[in-house]
C-alpha atoms as a PDB file:
ATOM      1  CA  UNK A   1     -89.832   0.883  15.035  1.00  0.00           C
ATOM      2  CA  UNK A   2     -90.644  -2.284  16.952  1.00  0.00           C
ATOM      3  CA  UNK A   3     -94.128  -3.535  17.696  1.00  0.00           C
ATOM      4  CA  UNK A   4     -94.759  -5.977  20.534  1.00  0.00           C
ATOM      5  CA  UNK A   5     -98.105  -7.676  21.027  1.00  0.00           C
ATOM      6  CA  UNK A   6     -98.790  -9.801  24.090  1.00  0.00           C
ATOM      7  CA  UNK A   7    -101.441 -12.474  24.395  1.00  0.00           C
ATOM      8  CA  UNK A   8    -102.395 -15.376  26.626  1.00  0.00           C
ATOM      9  CA  UNK A   9    -103.523 -13.660  29.784  1.00  0.00           C
ATOM     10  CA  UNK A  10    -106.690 -14.570  31.624  1.00  0.00           C
ATOM     11  CA  UNK A  11    -108.415 -15.487  34.866  1.00  0.00           C
ATOM     12  CA  UNK A  12    -107.172 -18.662  36.534  1.00  0.00           C
ATOM     13  CA  UNK A  13    -107.196 -20.274  39.952  1.00  0.00           C
ATOM     14  CA  UNK A  14    -104.214 -20.579  42.259  1.00  0.00           C
ATOM     15  CA  UNK A  15    -102.030 -23.483  41.195  1.00  0.00           C
ATOM     16  CA  UNK A  16    -103.010 -23.260  37.528  1.00  0.00           C
ATOM     17  CA  UNK A  17    -100.730 -22.514  34.597  1.00  0.00           C
ATOM     18  CA  UNK A  18    -100.729 -19.950  31.793  1.00  0.00           C
ATOM     19  CA  UNK A  19     -98.443 -19.298  28.850  1.00  0.00           C
ATOM     20  CA  UNK A  20     -98.006 -15.734  27.687  1.00  0.00           C
ATOM     21  CA  UNK A  21     -96.802 -14.942  24.195  1.00  0.00           C
ATOM     22  CA  UNK A  22     -95.248 -11.804  22.775  1.00  0.00           C
ATOM     23  CA  UNK A  23     -95.101 -11.424  19.006  1.00  0.00           C
ATOM     24  CA  UNK A  24     -92.500  -8.967  17.743  1.00  0.00           C
ATOM     25  CA  UNK A  25     -92.222  -7.203  14.419  1.00  0.00           C
ATOM     26  CA  UNK A  26     -90.300  -4.383  12.869  1.00  0.00           C
ATOM     27  CA  UNK A  27     -86.672  -5.384  13.305  1.00  0.00           C
ATOM     28  CA  UNK A  28     -84.340  -8.325  13.721  1.00  0.00           C
ATOM     29  CA  UNK A  29     -85.931 -10.012  16.690  1.00  0.00           C
ATOM     30  CA  UNK A  30     -83.208 -12.578  17.277  1.00  0.00           C
ATOM     31  CA  UNK A  31     -80.470  -9.972  17.748  1.00  0.00           C
ATOM     32  CA  UNK A  32     -81.806  -8.427  20.955  1.00  0.00           C
ATOM     33  CA  UNK A  33     -82.643  -9.583  24.436  1.00  0.00           C
ATOM     34  CA  UNK A  34     -86.283  -9.765  25.474  1.00  0.00           C
ATOM     35  CA  UNK A  35     -87.973  -9.423  28.832  1.00  0.00           C
ATOM     36  CA  UNK A  36     -91.210  -9.665  30.745  1.00  0.00           C
ATOM     37  CA  UNK A  37     -92.287  -7.160  33.385  1.00  0.00           C
ATOM     38  CA  UNK A  38     -95.488  -6.905  35.381  1.00  0.00           C
ATOM     39  CA  UNK A  39     -97.428  -4.205  37.134  1.00  0.00           C
ATOM     40  CA  UNK A  40    -100.010  -4.815  39.816  1.00  0.00           C
ATOM     41  CA  UNK A  41    -102.654  -2.221  40.599  1.00  0.00           C
ATOM     42  CA  UNK A  42    -101.166   0.609  42.616  1.00  0.00           C
ATOM     43  CA  UNK A  43     -97.611  -0.699  42.315  1.00  0.00           C
ATOM     44  CA  UNK A  44     -94.609   0.085  40.171  1.00  0.00           C
ATOM     45  CA  UNK A  45     -93.735  -1.986  37.143  1.00  0.00           C
ATOM     46  CA  UNK A  46     -91.371  -4.779  38.169  1.00  0.00           C
ATOM     47  CA  UNK A  47     -88.991  -7.114  36.406  1.00  0.00           C
ATOM     48  CA  UNK A  48     -90.068 -10.727  35.942  1.00  0.00           C
ATOM     49  CA  UNK A  49     -87.678 -12.435  33.509  1.00  0.00           C
ATOM     50  CA  UNK A  50     -85.277 -11.808  30.669  1.00  0.00           C
ATOM     51  CA  UNK A  51     -83.656 -13.913  27.960  1.00  0.00           C
ATOM     52  CA  UNK A  52     -80.539 -13.129  25.950  1.00  0.00           C
ATOM     53  CA  UNK A  53     -80.422 -12.737  22.182  1.00  0.00           C
ATOM     54  CA  UNK A  54     -79.838 -15.421  19.565  1.00  0.00           C
ATOM     55  CA  UNK A  55     -80.358 -18.845  21.172  1.00  0.00           C
ATOM     56  CA  UNK A  56     -81.290 -17.419  24.549  1.00  0.00           C
ATOM     57  CA  UNK A  57     -78.667 -19.276  26.524  1.00  0.00           C
ATOM     58  CA  UNK A  58     -78.762 -16.721  29.335  1.00  0.00           C
ATOM     59  CA  UNK A  59     -81.885 -16.141  31.406  1.00  0.00           C
ATOM     60  CA  UNK A  60     -82.619 -14.276  34.612  1.00  0.00           C
ATOM     61  CA  UNK A  61     -85.648 -14.280  36.892  1.00  0.00           C
ATOM     62  CA  UNK A  62     -86.854 -12.306  39.835  1.00  0.00           C
ATOM     63  CA  UNK A  63     -86.680 -14.407  42.980  1.00  0.00           C
ATOM     64  CA  UNK A  64     -90.429 -14.685  43.470  1.00  0.00           C
ATOM     65  CA  UNK A  65     -90.932 -16.588  40.198  1.00  0.00           C
ATOM     66  CA  UNK A  66     -87.824 -18.772  40.110  1.00  0.00           C
ATOM     67  CA  UNK A  67     -88.752 -22.414  39.707  1.00  0.00           C
ATOM     68  CA  UNK A  68     -92.289 -21.523  38.589  1.00  0.00           C
ATOM     69  CA  UNK A  69     -91.862 -19.342  35.466  1.00  0.00           C
ATOM     70  CA  UNK A  70     -89.836 -20.084  32.355  1.00  0.00           C
ATOM     71  CA  UNK A  71     -88.949 -17.596  29.634  1.00  0.00           C
ATOM     72  CA  UNK A  72     -88.147 -18.872  26.153  1.00  0.00           C
ATOM     73  CA  UNK A  73     -87.938 -17.602  22.602  1.00  0.00           C
ATOM     74  CA  UNK A  74     -88.655 -18.869  19.110  1.00  0.00           C
ATOM     75  CA  UNK A  75     -86.729 -16.720  16.662  1.00  0.00           C
ATOM     76  CA  UNK A  76     -88.359 -18.374  13.651  1.00  0.00           C
ATOM     77  CA  UNK A  77     -91.703 -17.078  14.919  1.00  0.00           C
ATOM     78  CA  UNK A  78     -90.376 -13.776  16.331  1.00  0.00           C
ATOM     79  CA  UNK A  79     -92.028 -14.703  19.593  1.00  0.00           C
ATOM     80  CA  UNK A  80     -91.014 -14.793  23.240  1.00  0.00           C
ATOM     81  CA  UNK A  81     -92.952 -16.834  25.780  1.00  0.00           C
ATOM     82  CA  UNK A  82     -93.482 -16.845  29.510  1.00  0.00           C
ATOM     83  CA  UNK A  83     -94.651 -20.184  30.862  1.00  0.00           C
ATOM     84  CA  UNK A  84     -96.172 -19.607  34.282  1.00  0.00           C
ATOM     85  CA  UNK A  85     -96.825 -22.596  36.527  1.00  0.00           C
ATOM     86  CA  UNK A  86     -98.100 -22.868  40.095  1.00  0.00           C
ATOM     87  CA  UNK A  87     -99.636 -19.436  39.855  1.00  0.00           C
ATOM     88  CA  UNK A  88    -100.344 -17.525  43.049  1.00  0.00           C
ATOM     89  CA  UNK A  89    -102.751 -14.653  43.761  1.00  0.00           C
ATOM     90  CA  UNK A  90     -99.730 -12.369  44.170  1.00  0.00           C
ATOM     91  CA  UNK A  91     -98.881 -13.000  40.507  1.00  0.00           C
ATOM     92  CA  UNK A  92    -101.965 -10.994  39.546  1.00  0.00           C
ATOM     93  CA  UNK A  93    -100.861  -8.084  37.348  1.00  0.00           C
ATOM     94  CA  UNK A  94    -100.699  -6.719  33.849  1.00  0.00           C
ATOM     95  CA  UNK A  95     -97.783  -8.437  32.131  1.00  0.00           C
ATOM     96  CA  UNK A  96     -95.704  -6.510  29.619  1.00  0.00           C
ATOM     97  CA  UNK A  97     -93.235  -7.666  27.016  1.00  0.00           C
ATOM     98  CA  UNK A  98     -90.216  -5.418  26.487  1.00  0.00           C
ATOM     99  CA  UNK A  99     -87.267  -5.143  24.139  1.00  0.00           C
ATOM    100  CA  UNK A 100     -84.139  -2.985  24.199  1.00  0.00           C
ATOM    101  CA  UNK A 101     -82.924  -1.113  21.152  1.00  0.00           C
ATOM    102  CA  UNK A 102     -79.786  -3.167  20.755  1.00  0.00           C
ATOM    103  CA  UNK A 103     -78.719  -4.904  23.957  1.00  0.00           C
ATOM    104  CA  UNK A 104     -77.980  -8.580  23.621  1.00  0.00           C
ATOM    105  CA  UNK A 105     -78.315  -9.304  27.319  1.00  0.00           C
ATOM    106  CA  UNK A 106     -81.250  -7.838  29.202  1.00  0.00           C
ATOM    107  CA  UNK A 107     -81.250  -6.183  32.579  1.00  0.00           C
ATOM    108  CA  UNK A 108     -83.756  -5.840  35.385  1.00  0.00           C
ATOM    109  CA  UNK A 109     -84.523  -2.156  35.034  1.00  0.00           C
ATOM    110  CA  UNK A 110     -87.421  -0.552  33.203  1.00  0.00           C
ATOM    111  CA  UNK A 111     -85.144   2.134  31.770  1.00  0.00           C
ATOM    112  CA  UNK A 112     -83.049  -0.465  29.940  1.00  0.00           C
ATOM    113  CA  UNK A 113     -85.903  -1.231  27.553  1.00  0.00           C
ATOM    114  CA  UNK A 114     -87.035   0.931  24.659  1.00  0.00           C
ATOM    115  CA  UNK A 115     -90.052  -0.908  23.306  1.00  0.00           C
ATOM    116  CA  UNK A 116     -93.104  -2.131  25.185  1.00  0.00           C
ATOM    117  CA  UNK A 117     -96.251  -4.027  24.389  1.00  0.00           C
ATOM    118  CA  UNK A 118     -99.714  -2.980  25.476  1.00  0.00           C
ATOM    119  CA  UNK A 119     -99.862  -5.587  28.243  1.00  0.00           C
ATOM    120  CA  UNK A 120    -102.032  -8.592  29.016  1.00  0.00           C
ATOM    121  CA  UNK A 121    -103.964  -9.066  32.258  1.00  0.00           C
ATOM    122  CA  UNK A 122    -103.293 -12.084  34.438  1.00  0.00           C
ATOM    123  CA  UNK A 123    -105.638 -12.606  37.358  1.00  0.00           C
ATOM    124  CA  UNK A 124    -105.129 -15.450  39.826  1.00  0.00           C
ATOM    125  CA  UNK A 125    -107.944 -16.183  42.232  1.00  0.00           C
ATOM    126  CA  UNK A 126    -107.409 -17.910  45.561  1.00  0.00           C
END
């Protein structure tokens, strides 16, 4: 079993920055891809970013966050991060960390991930 615990959310103004963290436990963290998704009120959960296993040389982002968000991982700390800069009101959502059972490269679909955190709220005011 894998446990994922997100932290770092909060209420910020447009243009501010936040860094989300996701602490993982229960298995070999470095051997699987990791991802961030988000879900705004009344909308479906959507892909935000993913990072490949081991050194995380491969990353992917949804178009709306490219150039503003950066996903990274620290395998020594079993933690994945999402640095969010130039935040916009449309970034307001609950952000979830996700991990697949064994995939080394993550995809953009919810069904590709087997483990989820409880989520952390990010609210961006205009």
